[in-house]
PDB file of N, CA and C in Angstrom:
ATOM      1  N   MET A   1       0.816  -1.694  -0.439  1.00  0.00           N
ATOM      2  CA  MET A   1      -0.280   0.148   0.045  1.00  0.00           C
ATOM      3  C   MET A   1       0.738   1.224  -0.121  1.00  0.00           C
ATOM      4  N   LEU A   2       0.285   2.360   0.329  1.00  0.00           N
ATOM      5  CA  LEU A   2       1.043   3.634  -0.168  1.00  0.00           C
ATOM      6  C   LEU A   2       1.478   3.993   1.184  1.00  0.00           C
ATOM      7  N   PRO A   3       2.729   4.610   1.532  1.00  0.00           N
ATOM      8  CA  PRO A   3       2.740   5.632   2.826  1.00  0.00           C
ATOM      9  C   PRO A   3       1.579   6.158   2.876  1.00  0.00           C
ATOM     10  N   PRO A   4       1.734   6.644   4.553  1.00  0.00           N
ATOM     11  CA  PRO A   4       0.809   7.695   5.163  1.00  0.00           C
ATOM     12  C   PRO A   4       0.333   8.734   4.521  1.00  0.00           C
ATOM     13  N   VAL A   5       1.759   9.301   4.032  1.00  0.00           N
ATOM     14  CA  VAL A   5       1.554  10.878   3.379  1.00  0.00           C
ATOM     15  C   VAL A   5       0.768  10.634   1.903  1.00  0.00           C
ATOM     16  N   TRP A   6       1.376   9.930   1.195  1.00  0.00           N
ATOM     17  CA  TRP A   6       0.446   9.709  -0.031  1.00  0.00           C
ATOM     18  C   TRP A   6      -0.665   8.636   0.075  1.00  0.00           C
ATOM     19  N   ARG A   7      -1.335   8.452   1.138  1.00  0.00           N
ATOM     20  CA  ARG A   7      -2.417   7.543   1.337  1.00  0.00           C
ATOM     21  C   ARG A   7      -3.154   8.992   1.609  1.00  0.00           C
ATOM     22  N   LYS A   8      -2.730   9.886   2.274  1.00  0.00           N
ATOM     23  CA  LYS A   8      -3.724  11.323   2.327  1.00  0.00           C
ATOM     24  C   LYS A   8      -3.993  12.105   0.625  1.00  0.00           C
ATOM     25  N   VAL A   9      -2.572  11.859   0.283  1.00  0.00           N
ATOM     26  CA  VAL A   9      -2.630  12.903  -0.791  1.00  0.00           C
ATOM     27  C   VAL A   9      -3.923  12.097  -2.028  1.00  0.00           C
ATOM     28  N   ALA A  10      -3.659  10.927  -1.868  1.00  0.00           N
ATOM     29  CA  ALA A  10      -4.453  10.036  -2.885  1.00  0.00           C
ATOM     30  C   ALA A  10      -6.007  10.038  -2.402  1.00  0.00           C
ATOM     31  N   LEU A  11      -6.276  10.812  -1.445  1.00  0.00           N
ATOM     32  CA  LEU A  11      -8.053  11.000  -1.074  1.00  0.00           C
ATOM     33  C   LEU A  11      -8.488  12.081  -1.714  1.00  0.00           C
ATOM     34  N   PHE A  12      -7.380  12.630  -2.363  1.00  0.00           N
ATOM     35  CA  PHE A  12      -7.921  13.995  -3.258  1.00  0.00           C
ATOM     36  C   PHE A  12      -8.448  13.613  -4.852  1.00  0.00           C
ATOM     37  N   ASN A  13      -8.250  11.895  -5.030  1.00  0.00           N
ATOM     38  CA  ASN A  13      -8.340  11.573  -6.720  1.00  0.00           C
ATOM     39  C   ASN A  13     -10.121  11.133  -6.138  1.00  0.00           C
ATOM     40  N   PRO A  14     -10.640  11.421  -7.077  1.00  0.00           N
ATOM     41  CA  PRO A  14     -12.326  10.804  -7.003  1.00  0.00           C
ATOM     42  C   PRO A  14     -12.176   9.576  -7.461  1.00  0.00           C
ATOM     43  N   VAL A  15     -11.485   9.041  -8.429  1.00  0.00           N
ATOM     44  CA  VAL A  15     -10.667   7.638  -8.892  1.00  0.00           C
ATOM     45  C   VAL A  15     -10.752   6.607  -7.321  1.00  0.00           C
ATOM     46  N   VAL A  16     -10.202   7.075  -6.496  1.00  0.00           N
ATOM     47  CA  VAL A  16     -10.021   6.570  -5.266  1.00  0.00           C
ATOM     48  C   VAL A  16     -11.163   6.123  -4.826  1.00  0.00           C
ATOM     49  N   TYR A  17     -12.528   6.408  -4.459  1.00  0.00           N
ATOM     50  CA  TYR A  17     -13.814   6.395  -3.876  1.00  0.00           C
ATOM     51  C   TYR A  17     -14.316   5.262  -5.018  1.00  0.00           C
ATOM     52  N   LEU A  18     -14.041   5.852  -6.100  1.00  0.00           N
ATOM     53  CA  LEU A  18     -14.562   4.344  -7.030  1.00  0.00           C
ATOM     54  C   LEU A  18     -14.392   2.824  -6.794  1.00  0.00           C
ATOM     55  N   ILE A  19     -12.688   3.150  -6.987  1.00  0.00           N
ATOM     56  CA  ILE A  19     -12.236   1.872  -6.389  1.00  0.00           C
ATOM     57  C   ILE A  19     -12.698   1.497  -5.378  1.00  0.00           C
ATOM     58  N   SER A  20     -12.776   2.126  -4.492  1.00  0.00           N
ATOM     59  CA  SER A  20     -13.014   1.809  -2.985  1.00  0.00           C
ATOM     60  C   SER A  20     -14.424   1.051  -3.065  1.00  0.00           C
ATOM     61  N   GLY A  21     -15.787   1.535  -3.731  1.00  0.00           N
ATOM     62  CA  GLY A  21     -17.059   1.557  -3.618  1.00  0.00           C
ATOM     63  C   GLY A  21     -16.766  -0.009  -4.398  1.00  0.00           C
ATOM     64  N   PHE A  22     -16.474  -0.491  -5.703  1.00  0.00           N
ATOM     65  CA  PHE A  22     -16.607  -1.458  -6.305  1.00  0.00           C
ATOM     66  C   PHE A  22     -15.662  -2.817  -5.313  1.00  0.00           C
ATOM     67  N   ARG A  23     -14.530  -2.320  -4.532  1.00  0.00           N
ATOM     68  CA  ARG A  23     -13.778  -3.275  -3.570  1.00  0.00           C
ATOM     69  C   ARG A  23     -15.110  -3.440  -2.914  1.00  0.00           C
ATOM     70  N   TRP A  24     -15.707  -2.884  -2.079  1.00  0.00           N
ATOM     71  CA  TRP A  24     -16.833  -2.955  -1.257  1.00  0.00           C
ATOM     72  C   TRP A  24     -17.838  -3.819  -1.668  1.00  0.00           C
ATOM     73  N   SER A  25     -18.494  -3.865  -2.708  1.00  0.00           N
ATOM     74  CA  SER A  25     -19.079  -4.492  -3.625  1.00  0.00           C
ATOM     75  C   SER A  25     -19.154  -5.797  -3.685  1.00  0.00           C
ATOM     76  N   PHE A  26     -17.546  -5.914  -4.265  1.00  0.00           N
ATOM     77  CA  PHE A  26     -17.275  -7.171  -4.183  1.00  0.00           C
ATOM     78  C   PHE A  26     -16.666  -8.043  -3.181  1.00  0.00           C
ATOM     79  N   TYR A  27     -16.237  -7.736  -2.528  1.00  0.00           N
ATOM     80  CA  TYR A  27     -15.340  -8.541  -1.551  1.00  0.00           C
ATOM     81  C   TYR A  27     -16.229  -7.863   0.188  1.00  0.00           C
ATOM     82  N   GLY A  28     -16.898  -7.186   0.074  1.00  0.00           N
ATOM     83  CA  GLY A  28     -17.652  -6.433   1.330  1.00  0.00           C
ATOM     84  C   GLY A  28     -16.111  -5.651   2.479  1.00  0.00           C
ATOM     85  N   VAL A  29     -15.222  -5.406   1.743  1.00  0.00           N
ATOM     86  CA  VAL A  29     -14.398  -4.376   2.291  1.00  0.00           C
ATOM     87  C   VAL A  29     -13.517  -3.368   1.465  1.00  0.00           C
ATOM     88  N   SER A  30     -13.483  -2.589   2.253  1.00  0.00           N
ATOM     89  CA  SER A  30     -13.162  -1.050   1.402  1.00  0.00           C
ATOM     90  C   SER A  30     -12.084  -0.195   2.081  1.00  0.00           C
ATOM     91  N   ASP A  31     -11.627   0.440   1.552  1.00  0.00           N
ATOM     92  CA  ASP A  31     -10.212   1.386   2.093  1.00  0.00           C
ATOM     93  C   ASP A  31     -10.866   2.765   3.072  1.00  0.00           C
ATOM     94  N   VAL A  32     -11.843   3.258   2.125  1.00  0.00           N
ATOM     95  CA  VAL A  32     -12.815   4.468   2.811  1.00  0.00           C
ATOM     96  C   VAL A  32     -13.447   3.286   2.990  1.00  0.00           C
ATOM     97  N   HIS A  33     -14.755   4.461   4.142  1.00  0.00           N
ATOM     98  CA  HIS A  33     -15.844   4.112   4.357  1.00  0.00           C
ATOM     99  C   HIS A  33     -17.195   3.515   3.301  1.00  0.00           C
ATOM    100  N   VAL A  34     -17.712   2.822   2.770  1.00  0.00           N
ATOM    101  CA  VAL A  34     -19.130   3.486   2.073  1.00  0.00           C
ATOM    102  C   VAL A  34     -19.632   4.761   1.986  1.00  0.00           C
ATOM    103  N   VAL A  35     -20.187   5.129   3.203  1.00  0.00           N
ATOM    104  CA  VAL A  35     -20.880   6.141   3.181  1.00  0.00           C
ATOM    105  C   VAL A  35     -20.536   7.299   2.363  1.00  0.00           C
ATOM    106  N   ILE A  36     -18.582   7.513   3.000  1.00  0.00           N
ATOM    107  CA  ILE A  36     -17.717   8.371   2.185  1.00  0.00           C
ATOM    108  C   ILE A  36     -17.725   8.428   0.674  1.00  0.00           C
ATOM    109  N   SER A  37     -17.169   7.002   0.933  1.00  0.00           N
ATOM    110  CA  SER A  37     -17.216   7.210  -0.577  1.00  0.00           C
ATOM    111  C   SER A  37     -18.440   7.514  -1.762  1.00  0.00           C
ATOM    112  N   VAL A  38     -19.831   7.121  -1.246  1.00  0.00           N
ATOM    113  CA  VAL A  38     -21.114   7.590  -2.112  1.00  0.00           C
ATOM    114  C   VAL A  38     -21.110   9.002  -1.695  1.00  0.00           C
ATOM    115  N   ALA A  39     -20.808   9.640  -0.815  1.00  0.00           N
ATOM    116  CA  ALA A  39     -21.054  11.140  -0.611  1.00  0.00           C
ATOM    117  C   ALA A  39     -19.544  11.787  -1.491  1.00  0.00           C
ATOM    118  N   ALA A  40     -18.494  11.441  -1.474  1.00  0.00           N
ATOM    119  CA  ALA A  40     -17.506  11.794  -2.218  1.00  0.00           C
ATOM    120  C   ALA A  40     -17.630  12.072  -3.992  1.00  0.00           C
ATOM    121  N   ILE A  41     -18.505  10.997  -4.689  1.00  0.00           N
ATOM    122  CA  ILE A  41     -18.588  10.558  -5.624  1.00  0.00           C
ATOM    123  C   ILE A  41     -20.194  11.490  -6.001  1.00  0.00           C
ATOM    124  N   ALA A  42     -20.898  11.354  -5.144  1.00  0.00           N
ATOM    125  CA  ALA A  42     -22.010  12.556  -5.628  1.00  0.00           C
ATOM    126  C   ALA A  42     -21.511  13.816  -5.437  1.00  0.00           C
ATOM    127  N   GLY A  43     -20.813  14.169  -4.380  1.00  0.00           N
ATOM    128  CA  GLY A  43     -19.972  16.092  -4.538  1.00  0.00           C
ATOM    129  C   GLY A  43     -19.206  15.847  -5.219  1.00  0.00           C
ATOM    130  N   PHE A  44     -18.452  15.418  -6.387  1.00  0.00           N
ATOM    131  CA  PHE A  44     -17.569  15.324  -7.794  1.00  0.00           C
ATOM    132  C   PHE A  44     -18.681  15.504  -8.860  1.00  0.00           C
ATOM    133  N   LEU A  45     -19.993  14.593  -8.755  1.00  0.00           N
ATOM    134  CA  LEU A  45     -20.772  14.771  -9.801  1.00  0.00           C
ATOM    135  C   LEU A  45     -21.205  16.005  -9.565  1.00  0.00           C
ATOM    136  N   LEU A  46     -21.892  16.786  -8.652  1.00  0.00           N
ATOM    137  CA  LEU A  46     -22.278  18.024  -8.746  1.00  0.00           C
ATOM    138  C   LEU A  46     -21.412  18.992  -9.107  1.00  0.00           C
ATOM    139  N   LEU A  47     -20.453  19.048  -9.195  1.00  0.00           N
ATOM    140  CA  LEU A  47     -19.258  20.141  -9.041  1.00  0.00           C
ATOM    141  C   LEU A  47     -19.098  19.438 -11.009  1.00  0.00           C
ATOM    142  N   CYS A  48     -19.148  18.508 -10.919  1.00  0.00           N
ATOM    143  CA  CYS A  48     -19.160  18.578 -12.640  1.00  0.00           C
ATOM    144  C   CYS A  48     -20.336  18.872 -13.394  1.00  0.00           C
ATOM    145  N   ILE A  49     -21.479  18.508 -12.906  1.00  0.00           N
ATOM    146  CA  ILE A  49     -22.561  19.024 -13.585  1.00  0.00           C
ATOM    147  C   ILE A  49     -22.714  21.026 -13.707  1.00  0.00           C
ATOM    148  N   ALA A  50     -22.182  21.519 -12.283  1.00  0.00           N
ATOM    149  CA  ALA A  50     -22.227  23.033 -12.385  1.00  0.00           C
ATOM    150  C   ALA A  50     -21.391  23.694 -13.247  1.00  0.00           C
ATOM    151  N   ALA A  51     -19.867  22.910 -13.129  1.00  0.00           N
ATOM    152  CA  ALA A  51     -19.233  23.343 -14.463  1.00  0.00           C
ATOM    153  C   ALA A  51     -19.636  23.185 -15.559  1.00  0.00           C
ATOM    154  N   VAL A  52     -20.354  22.017 -16.001  1.00  0.00           N
ATOM    155  CA  VAL A  52     -21.074  22.162 -17.559  1.00  0.00           C
ATOM    156  C   VAL A  52     -22.293  22.825 -17.385  1.00  0.00           C
ATOM    157  N   TRP A  53     -22.896  23.388 -16.312  1.00  0.00           N
ATOM    158  CA  TRP A  53     -24.166  24.325 -16.432  1.00  0.00           C
ATOM    159  C   TRP A  53     -23.371  25.550 -16.919  1.00  0.00           C
ATOM    160  N   TRP A  54     -22.334  26.223 -16.356  1.00  0.00           N
ATOM    161  CA  TRP A  54     -21.601  27.229 -16.444  1.00  0.00           C
ATOM    162  C   TRP A  54     -21.176  27.364 -17.958  1.00  0.00           C
ATOM    163  N   ILE A  55     -20.420  26.375 -17.975  1.00  0.00           N
ATOM    164  CA  ILE A  55     -20.003  26.616 -19.896  1.00  0.00           C
ATOM    165  C   ILE A  55     -21.077  26.327 -20.377  1.00  0.00           C
ATOM    166  N   PHE A  56     -22.061  25.932 -20.472  1.00  0.00           N
ATOM    167  CA  PHE A  56     -22.793  26.126 -21.341  1.00  0.00           C
ATOM    168  C   PHE A  56     -24.132  27.660 -21.220  1.00  0.00           C
ATOM    169  N   ARG A  57     -24.201  28.240 -19.505  1.00  0.00           N
ATOM    170  CA  ARG A  57     -25.010  28.930 -19.291  1.00  0.00           C
ATOM    171  C   ARG A  57     -24.112  30.584 -19.813  1.00  0.00           C
ATOM    172  N   THR A  58     -22.700  30.721 -20.257  1.00  0.00           N
ATOM    173  CA  THR A  58     -22.261  31.893 -20.064  1.00  0.00           C
ATOM    174  C   THR A  58     -21.389  31.538 -21.841  1.00  0.00           C
ATOM    175  N   GLY A  59     -21.736  30.012 -22.065  1.00  0.00           N
ATOM    176  CA  GLY A  59     -21.544  30.501 -23.431  1.00  0.00           C
ATOM    177  C   GLY A  59     -19.849  30.353 -24.005  1.00  0.00           C
ATOM    178  N   TRP A  60     -18.761  29.570 -22.832  1.00  0.00           N
ATOM    179  CA  TRP A  60     -17.357  29.812 -22.951  1.00  0.00           C
ATOM    180  C   TRP A  60     -17.169  28.996 -23.479  1.00  0.00           C
ATOM    181  N   LYS A  61     -16.292  29.195 -24.641  1.00  0.00           N
ATOM    182  CA  LYS A  61     -15.495  28.646 -25.866  1.00  0.00           C
ATOM    183  C   LYS A  61     -16.484  28.042 -26.550  1.00  0.00           C
ATOM    184  N   LEU A  62     -17.406  28.770 -26.627  1.00  0.00           N
ATOM    185  CA  LEU A  62     -18.644  27.561 -27.324  1.00  0.00           C
ATOM    186  C   LEU A  62     -18.696  28.822 -29.007  1.00  0.00           C
ATOM    187  N   LYS A  63     -18.527  28.022 -30.163  1.00  0.00           N
ATOM    188  CA  LYS A  63     -18.580  28.813 -31.165  1.00  0.00           C
ATOM    189  C   LYS A  63     -20.146  28.464 -31.584  1.00  0.00           C
ATOM    190  N   VAL A  64     -21.147  29.869 -32.346  1.00  0.00           N
ATOM    191  CA  VAL A  64     -22.213  29.429 -32.717  1.00  0.00           C
ATOM    192  C   VAL A  64     -22.212  29.344 -34.136  1.00  0.00           C
TER     193      VAL A  64
END
């Protein structure tokens, strides 16, 4: 596994939560608690949706 410092850095990567959720669904164990994984994935999804909404709303770099 990762050293403690890199373990904390890895928690900023949303893929960690996806992999942890799959690991829990197959094996029943995960590195991160399942509720935290679902919350992190939902938060990242809302952030992405907000970014896309802003891009369409402002027309940033869109050609008409």
